[in-house]
PDB file of N, CA and C in Angstrom:
ATOM      1  N   MET A   1      57.681  89.983 -13.344  1.00  0.00           N
ATOM      2  CA  MET A   1      57.170  88.750 -12.417  1.00  0.00           C
ATOM      3  C   MET A   1      55.800  89.415 -12.257  1.00  0.00           C
ATOM      4  N   PRO A   2      54.718  88.816 -12.320  1.00  0.00           N
ATOM      5  CA  PRO A   2      53.636  89.151 -12.037  1.00  0.00           C
ATOM      6  C   PRO A   2      53.170  89.225 -10.351  1.00  0.00           C
ATOM      7  N   SER A   3      52.408  90.124  -9.866  1.00  0.00           N
ATOM      8  CA  SER A   3      52.105  90.099  -8.324  1.00  0.00           C
ATOM      9  C   SER A   3      51.428  89.300  -8.242  1.00  0.00           C
ATOM     10  N   PRO A   4      51.219  88.816  -6.821  1.00  0.00           N
ATOM     11  CA  PRO A   4      50.229  87.501  -6.561  1.00  0.00           C
ATOM     12  C   PRO A   4      48.875  87.918  -7.075  1.00  0.00           C
ATOM     13  N   SER A   5      48.541  89.174  -6.445  1.00  0.00           N
ATOM     14  CA  SER A   5      47.361  89.556  -6.993  1.00  0.00           C
ATOM     15  C   SER A   5      46.626  89.392  -8.411  1.00  0.00           C
ATOM     16  N   HIS A   6      47.734  89.493  -9.267  1.00  0.00           N
ATOM     17  CA  HIS A   6      47.598  88.964 -10.788  1.00  0.00           C
ATOM     18  C   HIS A   6      47.558  87.674 -10.888  1.00  0.00           C
ATOM     19  N   SER A   7      48.387  86.930 -10.231  1.00  0.00           N
ATOM     20  CA  SER A   7      48.352  85.185 -10.499  1.00  0.00           C
ATOM     21  C   SER A   7      46.965  84.830  -9.973  1.00  0.00           C
ATOM     22  N   ASP A   8      46.353  85.314  -8.731  1.00  0.00           N
ATOM     23  CA  ASP A   8      44.912  84.782  -8.482  1.00  0.00           C
ATOM     24  C   ASP A   8      44.225  85.026  -9.230  1.00  0.00           C
ATOM     25  N   VAL A   9      43.969  86.290 -10.129  1.00  0.00           N
ATOM     26  CA  VAL A   9      43.146  86.529 -11.195  1.00  0.00           C
ATOM     27  C   VAL A   9      43.217  86.010 -12.496  1.00  0.00           C
ATOM     28  N   ALA A  10      44.306  85.531 -12.536  1.00  0.00           N
ATOM     29  CA  ALA A  10      44.643  84.670 -13.803  1.00  0.00           C
ATOM     30  C   ALA A  10      43.976  83.244 -13.664  1.00  0.00           C
ATOM     31  N   LEU A  11      44.465  82.616 -12.534  1.00  0.00           N
ATOM     32  CA  LEU A  11      43.858  81.530 -12.200  1.00  0.00           C
ATOM     33  C   LEU A  11      42.268  81.445 -12.094  1.00  0.00           C
ATOM     34  N   SER A  12      41.798  82.524 -11.623  1.00  0.00           N
ATOM     35  CA  SER A  12      40.383  82.377 -11.470  1.00  0.00           C
ATOM     36  C   SER A  12      39.909  82.597 -13.002  1.00  0.00           C
ATOM     37  N   ASN A  13      40.151  83.350 -13.814  1.00  0.00           N
ATOM     38  CA  ASN A  13      40.031  83.597 -15.342  1.00  0.00           C
ATOM     39  C   ASN A  13      40.135  82.157 -15.988  1.00  0.00           C
ATOM     40  N   ALA A  14      41.345  81.502 -15.629  1.00  0.00           N
ATOM     41  CA  ALA A  14      41.359  80.091 -16.517  1.00  0.00           C
ATOM     42  C   ALA A  14      40.539  79.054 -16.064  1.00  0.00           C
ATOM     43  N   LEU A  15      39.927  79.281 -14.588  1.00  0.00           N
ATOM     44  CA  LEU A  15      39.086  78.340 -13.924  1.00  0.00           C
ATOM     45  C   LEU A  15      37.527  78.733 -14.607  1.00  0.00           C
ATOM     46  N   LYS A  16      37.456  79.903 -14.861  1.00  0.00           N
ATOM     47  CA  LYS A  16      36.235  80.230 -15.575  1.00  0.00           C
ATOM     48  C   LYS A  16      35.720  79.810 -17.014  1.00  0.00           C
ATOM     49  N   ASP A  17      36.974  79.844 -17.599  1.00  0.00           N
ATOM     50  CA  ASP A  17      37.243  79.394 -19.213  1.00  0.00           C
ATOM     51  C   ASP A  17      37.233  77.953 -19.369  1.00  0.00           C
ATOM     52  N   LEU A  18      37.757  76.960 -18.322  1.00  0.00           N
ATOM     53  CA  LEU A  18      37.341  75.776 -18.188  1.00  0.00           C
ATOM     54  C   LEU A  18      36.231  75.178 -17.871  1.00  0.00           C
ATOM     55  N   LYS A  19      35.327  75.989 -16.981  1.00  0.00           N
ATOM     56  CA  LYS A  19      34.061  75.646 -16.758  1.00  0.00           C
ATOM     57  C   LYS A  19      33.050  75.852 -17.925  1.00  0.00           C
ATOM     58  N   ARG A  20      33.400  76.947 -18.422  1.00  0.00           N
ATOM     59  CA  ARG A  20      32.527  77.154 -19.777  1.00  0.00           C
ATOM     60  C   ARG A  20      32.939  76.429 -20.577  1.00  0.00           C
ATOM     61  N   GLY A  21      33.917  75.916 -21.043  1.00  0.00           N
ATOM     62  CA  GLY A  21      34.235  74.927 -22.088  1.00  0.00           C
ATOM     63  C   GLY A  21      33.710  73.548 -21.753  1.00  0.00           C
ATOM     64  N   TRP A  22      34.007  73.159 -20.417  1.00  0.00           N
ATOM     65  CA  TRP A  22      33.351  72.057 -20.032  1.00  0.00           C
ATOM     66  C   TRP A  22      31.761  71.685 -20.132  1.00  0.00           C
ATOM     67  N   GLU A  23      30.879  72.856 -19.640  1.00  0.00           N
ATOM     68  CA  GLU A  23      29.536  73.171 -19.943  1.00  0.00           C
ATOM     69  C   GLU A  23      29.378  72.865 -21.307  1.00  0.00           C
ATOM     70  N   GLU A  24      30.211  73.247 -22.359  1.00  0.00           N
ATOM     71  CA  GLU A  24      29.405  73.135 -23.720  1.00  0.00           C
ATOM     72  C   GLU A  24      30.116  71.831 -24.139  1.00  0.00           C
ATOM     73  N   THR A  25      31.100  71.299 -23.767  1.00  0.00           N
ATOM     74  CA  THR A  25      31.622  70.022 -23.897  1.00  0.00           C
ATOM     75  C   THR A  25      30.604  68.764 -23.609  1.00  0.00           C
ATOM     76  N   SER A  26      30.272  68.918 -21.995  1.00  0.00           N
ATOM     77  CA  SER A  26      29.282  68.158 -21.313  1.00  0.00           C
ATOM     78  C   SER A  26      28.014  68.039 -21.788  1.00  0.00           C
ATOM     79  N   ALA A  27      27.397  69.210 -22.661  1.00  0.00           N
ATOM     80  CA  ALA A  27      26.319  69.021 -22.924  1.00  0.00           C
ATOM     81  C   ALA A  27      25.783  68.130 -23.753  1.00  0.00           C
ATOM     82  N   ALA A  28      27.006  67.820 -24.778  1.00  0.00           N
ATOM     83  CA  ALA A  28      26.743  66.822 -25.895  1.00  0.00           C
ATOM     84  C   ALA A  28      27.367  65.447 -25.758  1.00  0.00           C
ATOM     85  N   TRP A  29      27.876  65.364 -24.267  1.00  0.00           N
ATOM     86  CA  TRP A  29      28.662  64.187 -24.033  1.00  0.00           C
ATOM     87  C   TRP A  29      27.814  63.101 -22.775  1.00  0.00           C
ATOM     88  N   HIS A  30      27.201  62.267 -23.084  1.00  0.00           N
ATOM     89  CA  HIS A  30      26.534  61.492 -22.268  1.00  0.00           C
ATOM     90  C   HIS A  30      26.684  60.293 -21.815  1.00  0.00           C
ATOM     91  N   ASP A  31      27.637  60.158 -21.256  1.00  0.00           N
ATOM     92  CA  ASP A  31      28.057  58.516 -21.051  1.00  0.00           C
ATOM     93  C   ASP A  31      28.602  58.514 -19.719  1.00  0.00           C
ATOM     94  N   GLN A  32      28.907  57.342 -19.343  1.00  0.00           N
ATOM     95  CA  GLN A  32      29.883  57.365 -18.074  1.00  0.00           C
ATOM     96  C   GLN A  32      31.486  57.738 -18.377  1.00  0.00           C
ATOM     97  N   ALA A  33      31.659  57.706 -19.445  1.00  0.00           N
ATOM     98  CA  ALA A  33      33.052  58.481 -19.565  1.00  0.00           C
ATOM     99  C   ALA A  33      33.056  59.860 -19.346  1.00  0.00           C
ATOM    100  N   ARG A  34      31.924  60.566 -19.747  1.00  0.00           N
ATOM    101  CA  ARG A  34      32.020  61.758 -19.244  1.00  0.00           C
ATOM    102  C   ARG A  34      31.847  62.027 -17.740  1.00  0.00           C
ATOM    103  N   THR A  35      31.300  61.255 -17.091  1.00  0.00           N
ATOM    104  CA  THR A  35      30.811  61.351 -15.668  1.00  0.00           C
ATOM    105  C   THR A  35      32.279  61.011 -14.896  1.00  0.00           C
ATOM    106  N   ASP A  36      33.165  59.984 -15.395  1.00  0.00           N
ATOM    107  CA  ASP A  36      34.575  59.923 -15.009  1.00  0.00           C
ATOM    108  C   ASP A  36      35.355  60.701 -14.958  1.00  0.00           C
ATOM    109  N   PHE A  37      35.251  61.274 -16.313  1.00  0.00           N
ATOM    110  CA  PHE A  37      36.225  62.417 -16.793  1.00  0.00           C
ATOM    111  C   PHE A  37      36.131  63.529 -15.928  1.00  0.00           C
ATOM    112  N   GLU A  38      34.657  64.167 -15.899  1.00  0.00           N
ATOM    113  CA  GLU A  38      34.486  65.228 -14.735  1.00  0.00           C
ATOM    114  C   GLU A  38      34.884  64.995 -13.403  1.00  0.00           C
ATOM    115  N   LYS A  39      34.783  63.863 -12.804  1.00  0.00           N
ATOM    116  CA  LYS A  39      35.254  63.633 -11.493  1.00  0.00           C
ATOM    117  C   LYS A  39      36.983  63.332 -11.349  1.00  0.00           C
ATOM    118  N   GLU A  40      37.347  62.995 -12.356  1.00  0.00           N
ATOM    119  CA  GLU A  40      38.760  62.963 -12.166  1.00  0.00           C
ATOM    120  C   GLU A  40      39.553  63.811 -12.684  1.00  0.00           C
ATOM    121  N   PHE A  41      39.259  64.812 -13.417  1.00  0.00           N
ATOM    122  CA  PHE A  41      39.921  65.668 -14.056  1.00  0.00           C
ATOM    123  C   PHE A  41      39.455  67.368 -13.755  1.00  0.00           C
ATOM    124  N   VAL A  42      38.111  67.429 -14.182  1.00  0.00           N
ATOM    125  CA  VAL A  42      37.733  68.818 -14.242  1.00  0.00           C
ATOM    126  C   VAL A  42      37.260  69.193 -12.595  1.00  0.00           C
ATOM    127  N   GLN A  43      36.677  68.509 -12.032  1.00  0.00           N
ATOM    128  CA  GLN A  43      36.437  68.790 -10.254  1.00  0.00           C
ATOM    129  C   GLN A  43      37.513  68.689  -9.659  1.00  0.00           C
ATOM    130  N   GLU A  44      38.508  68.097 -10.187  1.00  0.00           N
ATOM    131  CA  GLU A  44      39.894  67.598  -9.149  1.00  0.00           C
ATOM    132  C   GLU A  44      40.594  69.360  -9.427  1.00  0.00           C
ATOM    133  N   TYR A  45      40.699  69.363 -10.674  1.00  0.00           N
ATOM    134  CA  TYR A  45      41.336  70.918 -10.935  1.00  0.00           C
ATOM    135  C   TYR A  45      40.765  71.990 -10.694  1.00  0.00           C
ATOM    136  N   GLU A  46      39.256  71.860 -10.483  1.00  0.00           N
ATOM    137  CA  GLU A  46      38.586  73.302  -9.953  1.00  0.00           C
ATOM    138  C   GLU A  46      39.166  73.244  -8.434  1.00  0.00           C
ATOM    139  N   PHE A  47      38.876  72.106  -7.889  1.00  0.00           N
ATOM    140  CA  PHE A  47      39.438  72.135  -6.412  1.00  0.00           C
ATOM    141  C   PHE A  47      41.095  72.639  -6.109  1.00  0.00           C
ATOM    142  N   SER A  48      41.524  72.428  -6.874  1.00  0.00           N
ATOM    143  CA  SER A  48      43.164  72.562  -6.920  1.00  0.00           C
ATOM    144  C   SER A  48      43.367  74.188  -6.799  1.00  0.00           C
ATOM    145  N   VAL A  49      42.597  74.405  -8.153  1.00  0.00           N
ATOM    146  CA  VAL A  49      42.872  75.846  -8.656  1.00  0.00           C
ATOM    147  C   VAL A  49      42.112  76.757  -7.299  1.00  0.00           C
ATOM    148  N   LYS A  50      41.164  76.334  -6.866  1.00  0.00           N
ATOM    149  CA  LYS A  50      40.787  77.070  -5.801  1.00  0.00           C
ATOM    150  C   LYS A  50      41.537  77.149  -4.464  1.00  0.00           C
ATOM    151  N   GLN A  51      42.043  75.913  -4.192  1.00  0.00           N
ATOM    152  CA  GLN A  51      42.906  76.056  -2.977  1.00  0.00           C
ATOM    153  C   GLN A  51      44.518  76.909  -3.295  1.00  0.00           C
ATOM    154  N   ALA A  52      44.763  76.697  -4.642  1.00  0.00           N
ATOM    155  CA  ALA A  52      45.916  77.845  -4.970  1.00  0.00           C
ATOM    156  C   ALA A  52      45.285  79.036  -5.073  1.00  0.00           C
ATOM    157  N   ILE A  53      44.412  79.610  -5.371  1.00  0.00           N
ATOM    158  CA  ILE A  53      44.073  80.920  -5.384  1.00  0.00           C
ATOM    159  C   ILE A  53      43.950  81.340  -3.553  1.00  0.00           C
ATOM    160  N   HIS A  54      43.378  80.319  -2.853  1.00  0.00           N
ATOM    161  CA  HIS A  54      43.505  80.838  -1.401  1.00  0.00           C
ATOM    162  C   HIS A  54      44.730  81.135  -0.887  1.00  0.00           C
ATOM    163  N   ALA A  55      45.785  79.909  -1.221  1.00  0.00           N
ATOM    164  CA  ALA A  55      47.185  80.294  -0.732  1.00  0.00           C
ATOM    165  C   ALA A  55      47.829  81.372  -1.381  1.00  0.00           C
ATOM    166  N   ILE A  56      47.565  81.794  -2.741  1.00  0.00           N
ATOM    167  CA  ILE A  56      48.115  83.263  -3.101  1.00  0.00           C
ATOM    168  C   ILE A  56      47.443  84.161  -2.500  1.00  0.00           C
ATOM    169  N   THR A  57      46.240  84.321  -2.089  1.00  0.00           N
ATOM    170  CA  THR A  57      45.753  85.356  -1.270  1.00  0.00           C
ATOM    171  C   THR A  57      46.511  85.431   0.057  1.00  0.00           C
ATOM    172  N   GLU A  58      46.619  84.115   0.523  1.00  0.00           N
ATOM    173  CA  GLU A  58      47.104  84.269   2.198  1.00  0.00           C
ATOM    174  C   GLU A  58      48.479  84.672   1.955  1.00  0.00           C
ATOM    175  N   ILE A  59      49.221  84.148   1.113  1.00  0.00           N
ATOM    176  CA  ILE A  59      50.726  84.614   0.792  1.00  0.00           C
ATOM    177  C   ILE A  59      50.631  86.548   0.575  1.00  0.00           C
ATOM    178  N   ASN A  60      49.805  86.844  -0.308  1.00  0.00           N
ATOM    179  CA  ASN A  60      49.542  88.302  -0.751  1.00  0.00           C
ATOM    180  C   ASN A  60      49.834  89.196   0.828  1.00  0.00           C
ATOM    181  N   THR A  61      48.780  88.602   1.454  1.00  0.00           N
ATOM    182  CA  THR A  61      48.313  89.225   2.761  1.00  0.00           C
ATOM    183  C   THR A  61      49.649  89.383   3.619  1.00  0.00           C
ATOM    184  N   ILE A  62      50.314  88.309   3.753  1.00  0.00           N
ATOM    185  CA  ILE A  62      51.588  87.966   4.433  1.00  0.00           C
ATOM    186  C   ILE A  62      52.654  88.839   3.838  1.00  0.00           C
ATOM    187  N   LEU A  63      52.867  88.953   2.720  1.00  0.00           N
ATOM    188  CA  LEU A  63      53.768  89.896   2.085  1.00  0.00           C
ATOM    189  C   LEU A  63      53.666  91.159   2.190  1.00  0.00           C
ATOM    190  N   ARG A  64      52.482  91.626   1.784  1.00  0.00           N
ATOM    191  CA  ARG A  64      51.994  93.201   2.035  1.00  0.00           C
ATOM    192  C   ARG A  64      52.076  93.428   3.691  1.00  0.00           C
ATOM    193  N   LYS A  65      51.980  92.604   4.510  1.00  0.00           N
ATOM    194  CA  LYS A  65      52.272  92.496   6.144  1.00  0.00           C
ATOM    195  C   LYS A  65      53.673  92.929   6.197  1.00  0.00           C
ATOM    196  N   ALA A  66      54.595  92.179   5.954  1.00  0.00           N
ATOM    197  CA  ALA A  66      55.973  91.987   5.949  1.00  0.00           C
ATOM    198  C   ALA A  66      56.705  93.664   5.441  1.00  0.00           C
ATOM    199  N   ILE A  67      56.160  93.724   4.098  1.00  0.00           N
ATOM    200  CA  ILE A  67      56.758  95.046   3.728  1.00  0.00           C
ATOM    201  C   ILE A  67      56.329  96.070   4.321  1.00  0.00           C
ATOM    202  N   SER A  68      55.076  96.234   4.877  1.00  0.00           N
ATOM    203  CA  SER A  68      54.577  97.318   5.715  1.00  0.00           C
ATOM    204  C   SER A  68      55.510  97.701   6.930  1.00  0.00           C
ATOM    205  N   GLU A  69      55.754  96.420   7.801  1.00  0.00           N
ATOM    206  CA  GLU A  69      56.219  96.174   8.868  1.00  0.00           C
ATOM    207  C   GLU A  69      58.107  96.840   8.697  1.00  0.00           C
ATOM    208  N   CYS A  70      58.499  96.511   7.701  1.00  0.00           N
ATOM    209  CA  CYS A  70      59.955  96.569   7.259  1.00  0.00           C
ATOM    210  C   CYS A  70      60.348  98.034   6.592  1.00  0.00           C
ATOM    211  N   SER A  71      59.127  98.504   6.293  1.00  0.00           N
ATOM    212  CA  SER A  71      59.350 100.076   5.642  1.00  0.00           C
ATOM    213  C   SER A  71      59.676 101.228   6.635  1.00  0.00           C
TER     214      SER A  71
END
């Protein structure tokens, strides 16, 4: 099972890949549907991933503290 620190890196990399792909796609897509898609999916996904990374980091800190205190 991957450690929390590996999970946040994986999510971070996935978000970078999404942003890179979206930049390529959106460069050629110039209508209201593009704007709606970006707001509904891309921005929402980015927000959710950033929240997840923060949560994973916090959990990792708590777990490390618990392991240290119980050793």
